Each structure stands twice: as structure tokens, then as C-alpha cells.
Amino acid sequence: MKWTVALLFAANTLFLGGGCTTHHEQATTKWEYQEATNSVEANQMVDKGWIVAGFSRYTDAIGQPQANYTMKRPKQ
């Protein structure tokens, strides 16, 4: 009986200890962001490795439609 309790205690300690390890710095990706104000600029950035992370369309003060592209890429 004592042997079983000791074995279960050791197994649980190893199991729980393995789940508590810290994450390594390289496991998380750090991003840099930049804005593009038209589709031509956004497409040029995509060709350079940027990813579209967000998009918004609005009308400016004189009634002209405008667009903003939020671009991101992994920090180098």
C-alpha cells in the first residue's frame, strides 16, 4: 500500500511538473504594424511580405470615399 501511494505521488509530481514549464521567447511572434491608405500601396506592401490585418472604409469631410489598410509582418 505504501509503495502504491509513493508511486502515485511520484507519477503525479512528474506529470504536473511537466505541465508547468515556462514558454520560450521564440514561441511568441512579435509583430510590427503599418498603415496603407490605398489599395496600390497595400498591394506593394503585400509583395514585400506584409499581411492585411485590418481594413476600414469611410467618407472624408468632402464626401470622398477613403480606405485604410492595417498591415502587419513579423518583426525582423
PDB file of N, CA and C in Angstrom:
ATOM      1  N   MET A   1       0.816  -1.190   0.000  1.00  0.00           N
ATOM      2  CA  MET A   1       0.000   0.000   0.000  1.00  0.00           C
ATOM      3  C   MET A   1       0.864   1.261   0.000  1.00  0.00           C
ATOM      4  N   LYS A   2       1.907   1.289   0.853  1.00  0.00           N
ATOM      5  CA  LYS A   2       2.798   2.440   0.886  1.00  0.00           C
ATOM      6  C   LYS A   2       3.514   2.610  -0.448  1.00  0.00           C
ATOM      7  N   TRP A   3       3.867   1.486  -1.081  1.00  0.00           N
ATOM      8  CA  TRP A   3       4.544   1.519  -2.379  1.00  0.00           C
ATOM      9  C   TRP A   3       3.633   2.151  -3.430  1.00  0.00           C
ATOM     10  N   THR A   4       2.351   1.820  -3.427  1.00  0.00           N
ATOM     11  CA  THR A   4       1.400   2.359  -4.390  1.00  0.00           C
ATOM     12  C   THR A   4       1.222   3.865  -4.185  1.00  0.00           C
ATOM     13  N   VAL A   5       1.091   4.288  -2.962  1.00  0.00           N
ATOM     14  CA  VAL A   5       0.942   5.716  -2.668  1.00  0.00           C
ATOM     15  C   VAL A   5       2.193   6.477  -3.110  1.00  0.00           C
ATOM     16  N   ALA A   6       3.353   5.938  -2.823  1.00  0.00           N
ATOM     17  CA  ALA A   6       4.605   6.591  -3.219  1.00  0.00           C
ATOM     18  C   ALA A   6       4.718   6.667  -4.738  1.00  0.00           C
ATOM     19  N   LEU A   7       4.316   5.600  -5.429  1.00  0.00           N
ATOM     20  CA  LEU A   7       4.373   5.580  -6.892  1.00  0.00           C
ATOM     21  C   LEU A   7       3.389   6.589  -7.487  1.00  0.00           C
ATOM     22  N   LEU A   8       2.181   6.654  -6.950  1.00  0.00           N
ATOM     23  CA  LEU A   8       1.201   7.626  -7.435  1.00  0.00           C
ATOM     24  C   LEU A   8       1.676   9.059  -7.181  1.00  0.00           C
ATOM     25  N   PHE A   9       2.251   9.306  -6.031  1.00  0.00           N
ATOM     26  CA  PHE A   9       2.776  10.635  -5.715  1.00  0.00           C
ATOM     27  C   PHE A   9       3.880  11.036  -6.696  1.00  0.00           C
ATOM     28  N   ALA A  10       4.784  10.126  -6.977  1.00  0.00           N
ATOM     29  CA  ALA A  10       5.889  10.404  -7.902  1.00  0.00           C
ATOM     30  C   ALA A  10       5.362  10.647  -9.315  1.00  0.00           C
ATOM     31  N   ALA A  11       4.403   9.842  -9.746  1.00  0.00           N
ATOM     32  CA  ALA A  11       3.848   9.991 -11.092  1.00  0.00           C
ATOM     33  C   ALA A  11       3.122  11.336 -11.222  1.00  0.00           C
ATOM     34  N   ASN A  12       2.337  11.713 -10.211  1.00  0.00           N
ATOM     35  CA  ASN A  12       1.629  12.991 -10.258  1.00  0.00           C
ATOM     36  C   ASN A  12       2.589  14.167 -10.229  1.00  0.00           C
ATOM     37  N   THR A  13       3.647  14.070  -9.469  1.00  0.00           N
ATOM     38  CA  THR A  13       4.636  15.145  -9.410  1.00  0.00           C
ATOM     39  C   THR A  13       5.290  15.349 -10.770  1.00  0.00           C
ATOM     40  N   LEU A  14       5.659  14.281 -11.425  1.00  0.00           N
ATOM     41  CA  LEU A  14       6.275  14.383 -12.746  1.00  0.00           C
ATOM     42  C   LEU A  14       5.266  14.891 -13.780  1.00  0.00           C
ATOM     43  N   PHE A  15       4.033  14.429 -13.717  1.00  0.00           N
ATOM     44  CA  PHE A  15       3.005  14.841 -14.671  1.00  0.00           C
ATOM     45  C   PHE A  15       2.687  16.322 -14.525  1.00  0.00           C
ATOM     46  N   LEU A  16       2.438  16.769 -13.298  1.00  0.00           N
ATOM     47  CA  LEU A  16       2.102  18.170 -13.066  1.00  0.00           C
ATOM     48  C   LEU A  16       3.292  19.086 -13.279  1.00  0.00           C
ATOM     49  N   GLY A  17       4.461  18.642 -12.954  1.00  0.00           N
ATOM     50  CA  GLY A  17       5.659  19.450 -13.167  1.00  0.00           C
ATOM     51  C   GLY A  17       5.929  19.690 -14.638  1.00  0.00           C
ATOM     52  N   GLY A  18       5.648  18.736 -15.475  1.00  0.00           N
ATOM     53  CA  GLY A  18       5.852  18.895 -16.916  1.00  0.00           C
ATOM     54  C   GLY A  18       4.887  19.883 -17.538  1.00  0.00           C
ATOM     55  N   GLY A  19       3.705  20.042 -16.958  1.00  0.00           N
ATOM     56  CA  GLY A  19       2.725  20.968 -17.490  1.00  0.00           C
ATOM     57  C   GLY A  19       2.936  22.400 -17.061  1.00  0.00           C
ATOM     58  N   CYS A  20       3.882  22.650 -16.193  1.00  0.00           N
ATOM     59  CA  CYS A  20       4.107  23.989 -15.648  1.00  0.00           C
ATOM     60  C   CYS A  20       5.338  24.661 -16.239  1.00  0.00           C
ATOM     61  N   THR A  21       5.894  24.131 -17.302  1.00  0.00           N
ATOM     62  CA  THR A  21       7.111  24.720 -17.840  1.00  0.00           C
ATOM     63  C   THR A  21       6.828  26.088 -18.436  1.00  0.00           C
ATOM     64  N   THR A  22       7.807  26.955 -18.414  1.00  0.00           N
ATOM     65  CA  THR A  22       7.645  28.293 -18.973  1.00  0.00           C
ATOM     66  C   THR A  22       7.772  28.226 -20.488  1.00  0.00           C
ATOM     67  N   HIS A  23       7.162  29.207 -21.139  1.00  0.00           N
ATOM     68  CA  HIS A  23       7.233  29.279 -22.600  1.00  0.00           C
ATOM     69  C   HIS A  23       8.531  29.964 -23.006  1.00  0.00           C
ATOM     70  N   HIS A  24       9.084  29.524 -24.092  1.00  0.00           N
ATOM     71  CA  HIS A  24      10.313  30.119 -24.598  1.00  0.00           C
ATOM     72  C   HIS A  24       9.982  31.392 -25.358  1.00  0.00           C
ATOM     73  N   GLU A  25      10.906  32.308 -25.395  1.00  0.00           N
ATOM     74  CA  GLU A  25      10.687  33.603 -26.043  1.00  0.00           C
ATOM     75  C   GLU A  25      10.373  33.445 -27.532  1.00  0.00           C
ATOM     76  N   GLN A  26      10.993  32.479 -28.198  1.00  0.00           N
ATOM     77  CA  GLN A  26      10.782  32.337 -29.632  1.00  0.00           C
ATOM     78  C   GLN A  26       9.419  31.746 -29.973  1.00  0.00           C
ATOM     79  N   ALA A  27       8.670  31.288 -28.977  1.00  0.00           N
ATOM     80  CA  ALA A  27       7.365  30.692 -29.238  1.00  0.00           C
ATOM     81  C   ALA A  27       6.337  31.762 -29.585  1.00  0.00           C
ATOM     82  N   THR A  28       6.533  33.007 -29.184  1.00  0.00           N
ATOM     83  CA  THR A  28       5.588  34.069 -29.487  1.00  0.00           C
ATOM     84  C   THR A  28       6.147  34.939 -30.597  1.00  0.00           C
ATOM     85  N   THR A  29       5.280  35.293 -31.531  1.00  0.00           N
ATOM     86  CA  THR A  29       5.683  36.146 -32.642  1.00  0.00           C
ATOM     87  C   THR A  29       5.402  37.592 -32.285  1.00  0.00           C
ATOM     88  N   LYS A  30       6.370  38.446 -32.452  1.00  0.00           N
ATOM     89  CA  LYS A  30       6.189  39.878 -32.249  1.00  0.00           C
ATOM     90  C   LYS A  30       5.955  40.501 -33.617  1.00  0.00           C
ATOM     91  N   TRP A  31       4.964  41.384 -33.695  1.00  0.00           N
ATOM     92  CA  TRP A  31       4.542  41.962 -34.965  1.00  0.00           C
ATOM     93  C   TRP A  31       4.865  43.447 -35.012  1.00  0.00           C
ATOM     94  N   GLU A  32       5.091  43.946 -36.224  1.00  0.00           N
ATOM     95  CA  GLU A  32       5.152  45.379 -36.457  1.00  0.00           C
ATOM     96  C   GLU A  32       4.000  45.737 -37.393  1.00  0.00           C
ATOM     97  N   TYR A  33       3.434  46.925 -37.194  1.00  0.00           N
ATOM     98  CA  TYR A  33       2.247  47.346 -37.929  1.00  0.00           C
ATOM     99  C   TYR A  33       2.533  48.624 -38.708  1.00  0.00           C
ATOM    100  N   GLN A  34       1.807  48.768 -39.833  1.00  0.00           N
ATOM    101  CA  GLN A  34       1.928  49.973 -40.628  1.00  0.00           C
ATOM    102  C   GLN A  34       0.596  50.191 -41.340  1.00  0.00           C
ATOM    103  N   GLU A  35       0.289  51.447 -41.653  1.00  0.00           N
ATOM    104  CA  GLU A  35      -0.955  51.787 -42.331  1.00  0.00           C
ATOM    105  C   GLU A  35      -0.700  52.038 -43.813  1.00  0.00           C
ATOM    106  N   ALA A  36      -1.635  51.587 -44.643  1.00  0.00           N
ATOM    107  CA  ALA A  36      -1.644  51.912 -46.071  1.00  0.00           C
ATOM    108  C   ALA A  36      -2.951  52.634 -46.346  1.00  0.00           C
ATOM    109  N   THR A  37      -2.913  53.680 -47.180  1.00  0.00           N
ATOM    110  CA  THR A  37      -4.109  54.493 -47.394  1.00  0.00           C
ATOM    111  C   THR A  37      -4.825  54.215 -48.703  1.00  0.00           C
ATOM    112  N   ASN A  38      -4.262  53.327 -49.535  1.00  0.00           N
ATOM    113  CA  ASN A  38      -4.963  52.944 -50.762  1.00  0.00           C
ATOM    114  C   ASN A  38      -4.558  51.523 -51.157  1.00  0.00           C
ATOM    115  N   SER A  39      -5.293  50.975 -52.121  1.00  0.00           N
ATOM    116  CA  SER A  39      -5.056  49.576 -52.485  1.00  0.00           C
ATOM    117  C   SER A  39      -3.729  49.377 -53.209  1.00  0.00           C
ATOM    118  N   VAL A  40      -3.257  50.376 -53.940  1.00  0.00           N
ATOM    119  CA  VAL A  40      -1.968  50.254 -54.629  1.00  0.00           C
ATOM    120  C   VAL A  40      -0.848  50.120 -53.601  1.00  0.00           C
ATOM    121  N   GLU A  41      -0.879  50.980 -52.594  1.00  0.00           N
ATOM    122  CA  GLU A  41       0.135  50.931 -51.526  1.00  0.00           C
ATOM    123  C   GLU A  41       0.045  49.608 -50.759  1.00  0.00           C
ATOM    124  N   ALA A  42      -1.178  49.151 -50.477  1.00  0.00           N
ATOM    125  CA  ALA A  42      -1.361  47.888 -49.761  1.00  0.00           C
ATOM    126  C   ALA A  42      -0.825  46.714 -50.578  1.00  0.00           C
ATOM    127  N   ASN A  43      -1.084  46.708 -51.886  1.00  0.00           N
ATOM    128  CA  ASN A  43      -0.585  45.627 -52.741  1.00  0.00           C
ATOM    129  C   ASN A  43       0.940  45.627 -52.819  1.00  0.00           C
ATOM    130  N   GLN A  44       1.562  46.798 -52.838  1.00  0.00           N
ATOM    131  CA  GLN A  44       3.019  46.869 -52.843  1.00  0.00           C
ATOM    132  C   GLN A  44       3.586  46.301 -51.542  1.00  0.00           C
ATOM    133  N   MET A  45       2.909  46.578 -50.434  1.00  0.00           N
ATOM    134  CA  MET A  45       3.373  46.058 -49.158  1.00  0.00           C
ATOM    135  C   MET A  45       3.192  44.544 -49.079  1.00  0.00           C
ATOM    136  N   VAL A  46       2.104  44.026 -49.645  1.00  0.00           N
ATOM    137  CA  VAL A  46       1.885  42.574 -49.679  1.00  0.00           C
ATOM    138  C   VAL A  46       3.015  41.899 -50.456  1.00  0.00           C
ATOM    139  N   ASP A  47       3.446  42.523 -51.551  1.00  0.00           N
ATOM    140  CA  ASP A  47       4.561  41.969 -52.330  1.00  0.00           C
ATOM    141  C   ASP A  47       5.857  41.922 -51.519  1.00  0.00           C
ATOM    142  N   LYS A  48       5.968  42.775 -50.500  1.00  0.00           N
ATOM    143  CA  LYS A  48       7.164  42.809 -49.649  1.00  0.00           C
ATOM    144  C   LYS A  48       7.018  41.937 -48.405  1.00  0.00           C
ATOM    145  N   GLY A  49       5.908  41.196 -48.290  1.00  0.00           N
ATOM    146  CA  GLY A  49       5.747  40.267 -47.182  1.00  0.00           C
ATOM    147  C   GLY A  49       4.799  40.710 -46.083  1.00  0.00           C
ATOM    148  N   TRP A  50       4.122  41.832 -46.246  1.00  0.00           N
ATOM    149  CA  TRP A  50       3.164  42.300 -45.254  1.00  0.00           C
ATOM    150  C   TRP A  50       1.845  41.543 -45.417  1.00  0.00           C
ATOM    151  N   ILE A  51       1.073  41.467 -44.339  1.00  0.00           N
ATOM    152  CA  ILE A  51      -0.227  40.794 -44.322  1.00  0.00           C
ATOM    153  C   ILE A  51      -1.281  41.839 -43.955  1.00  0.00           C
ATOM    154  N   VAL A  52      -2.444  41.797 -44.611  1.00  0.00           N
ATOM    155  CA  VAL A  52      -3.530  42.704 -44.252  1.00  0.00           C
ATOM    156  C   VAL A  52      -4.143  42.224 -42.938  1.00  0.00           C
ATOM    157  N   ALA A  53      -4.068  43.062 -41.906  1.00  0.00           N
ATOM    158  CA  ALA A  53      -4.606  42.710 -40.589  1.00  0.00           C
ATOM    159  C   ALA A  53      -5.951  43.374 -40.333  1.00  0.00           C
ATOM    160  N   GLY A  54      -6.237  44.446 -41.050  1.00  0.00           N
ATOM    161  CA  GLY A  54      -7.499  45.141 -40.850  1.00  0.00           C
ATOM    162  C   GLY A  54      -7.788  46.074 -42.013  1.00  0.00           C
ATOM    163  N   PHE A  55      -9.066  46.415 -42.167  1.00  0.00           N
ATOM    164  CA  PHE A  55      -9.486  47.277 -43.264  1.00  0.00           C
ATOM    165  C   PHE A  55     -10.665  48.109 -42.781  1.00  0.00           C
ATOM    166  N   SER A  56     -10.683  49.377 -43.160  1.00  0.00           N
ATOM    167  CA  SER A  56     -11.845  50.224 -42.868  1.00  0.00           C
ATOM    168  C   SER A  56     -12.079  51.167 -44.039  1.00  0.00           C
ATOM    169  N   ARG A  57     -13.341  51.428 -44.269  1.00  0.00           N
ATOM    170  CA  ARG A  57     -13.740  52.345 -45.343  1.00  0.00           C
ATOM    171  C   ARG A  57     -14.599  53.426 -44.704  1.00  0.00           C
ATOM    172  N   TYR A  58     -14.381  54.664 -45.129  1.00  0.00           N
ATOM    173  CA  TYR A  58     -15.137  55.785 -44.575  1.00  0.00           C
ATOM    174  C   TYR A  58     -15.234  56.885 -45.620  1.00  0.00           C
ATOM    175  N   THR A  59     -16.050  57.882 -45.340  1.00  0.00           N
ATOM    176  CA  THR A  59     -16.195  59.047 -46.209  1.00  0.00           C
ATOM    177  C   THR A  59     -15.545  60.231 -45.514  1.00  0.00           C
ATOM    178  N   ASP A  60     -14.665  60.932 -46.229  1.00  0.00           N
ATOM    179  CA  ASP A  60     -13.967  62.057 -45.611  1.00  0.00           C
ATOM    180  C   ASP A  60     -14.864  63.296 -45.529  1.00  0.00           C
ATOM    181  N   ALA A  61     -14.296  64.425 -45.110  1.00  0.00           N
ATOM    182  CA  ALA A  61     -15.071  65.642 -44.857  1.00  0.00           C
ATOM    183  C   ALA A  61     -15.735  66.208 -46.103  1.00  0.00           C
ATOM    184  N   ILE A  62     -15.159  65.950 -47.285  1.00  0.00           N
ATOM    185  CA  ILE A  62     -15.763  66.491 -48.510  1.00  0.00           C
ATOM    186  C   ILE A  62     -16.577  65.444 -49.267  1.00  0.00           C
ATOM    187  N   GLY A  63     -16.817  64.311 -48.635  1.00  0.00           N
ATOM    188  CA  GLY A  63     -17.694  63.297 -49.223  1.00  0.00           C
ATOM    189  C   GLY A  63     -17.010  62.267 -50.101  1.00  0.00           C
ATOM    190  N   GLN A  64     -15.683  62.236 -50.126  1.00  0.00           N
ATOM    191  CA  GLN A  64     -14.948  61.264 -50.932  1.00  0.00           C
ATOM    192  C   GLN A  64     -14.739  59.967 -50.153  1.00  0.00           C
ATOM    193  N   PRO A  65     -14.975  58.820 -50.776  1.00  0.00           N
ATOM    194  CA  PRO A  65     -14.724  57.557 -50.070  1.00  0.00           C
ATOM    195  C   PRO A  65     -13.219  57.333 -49.873  1.00  0.00           C
ATOM    196  N   GLN A  66     -12.854  56.888 -48.697  1.00  0.00           N
ATOM    197  CA  GLN A  66     -11.462  56.627 -48.344  1.00  0.00           C
ATOM    198  C   GLN A  66     -11.360  55.228 -47.744  1.00  0.00           C
ATOM    199  N   ALA A  67     -10.147  54.688 -47.756  1.00  0.00           N
ATOM    200  CA  ALA A  67      -9.915  53.376 -47.155  1.00  0.00           C
ATOM    201  C   ALA A  67      -8.597  53.396 -46.395  1.00  0.00           C
ATOM    202  N   ASN A  68      -8.550  52.652 -45.327  1.00  0.00           N
ATOM    203  CA  ASN A  68      -7.324  52.442 -44.559  1.00  0.00           C
ATOM    204  C   ASN A  68      -7.087  50.956 -44.436  1.00  0.00           C
ATOM    205  N   TYR A  69      -5.859  50.541 -44.689  1.00  0.00           N
ATOM    206  CA  TYR A  69      -5.447  49.148 -44.535  1.00  0.00           C
ATOM    207  C   TYR A  69      -4.440  49.086 -43.402  1.00  0.00           C
ATOM    208  N   THR A  70      -4.681  48.236 -42.439  1.00  0.00           N
ATOM    209  CA  THR A  70      -3.703  47.992 -41.386  1.00  0.00           C
ATOM    210  C   THR A  70      -2.917  46.753 -41.786  1.00  0.00           C
ATOM    211  N   MET A  71      -1.617  46.922 -41.942  1.00  0.00           N
ATOM    212  CA  MET A  71      -0.756  45.837 -42.401  1.00  0.00           C
ATOM    213  C   MET A  71       0.124  45.385 -41.248  1.00  0.00           C
ATOM    214  N   LYS A  72       0.488  44.094 -41.239  1.00  0.00           N
ATOM    215  CA  LYS A  72       1.409  43.591 -40.221  1.00  0.00           C
ATOM    216  C   LYS A  72       2.379  42.589 -40.830  1.00  0.00           C
ATOM    217  N   ARG A  73       3.525  42.445 -40.158  1.00  0.00           N
ATOM    218  CA  ARG A  73       4.510  41.426 -40.513  1.00  0.00           C
ATOM    219  C   ARG A  73       5.321  41.102 -39.271  1.00  0.00           C
ATOM    220  N   PRO A  74       5.910  39.924 -39.229  1.00  0.00           N
ATOM    221  CA  PRO A  74       6.747  39.586 -38.066  1.00  0.00           C
ATOM    222  C   PRO A  74       7.945  40.524 -37.990  1.00  0.00           C
ATOM    223  N   LYS A  75       8.299  40.926 -36.780  1.00  0.00           N
ATOM    224  CA  LYS A  75       9.468  41.795 -36.617  1.00  0.00           C
ATOM    225  C   LYS A  75      10.716  41.046 -37.044  1.00  0.00           C
ATOM    226  N   GLN A  76      11.599  41.770 -37.678  1.00  0.00           N
ATOM    227  CA  GLN A  76      12.824  41.162 -38.189  1.00  0.00           C
ATOM    228  C   GLN A  76      14.000  41.509 -37.337  1.00  0.00           C
TER     229      GLN A  76
END
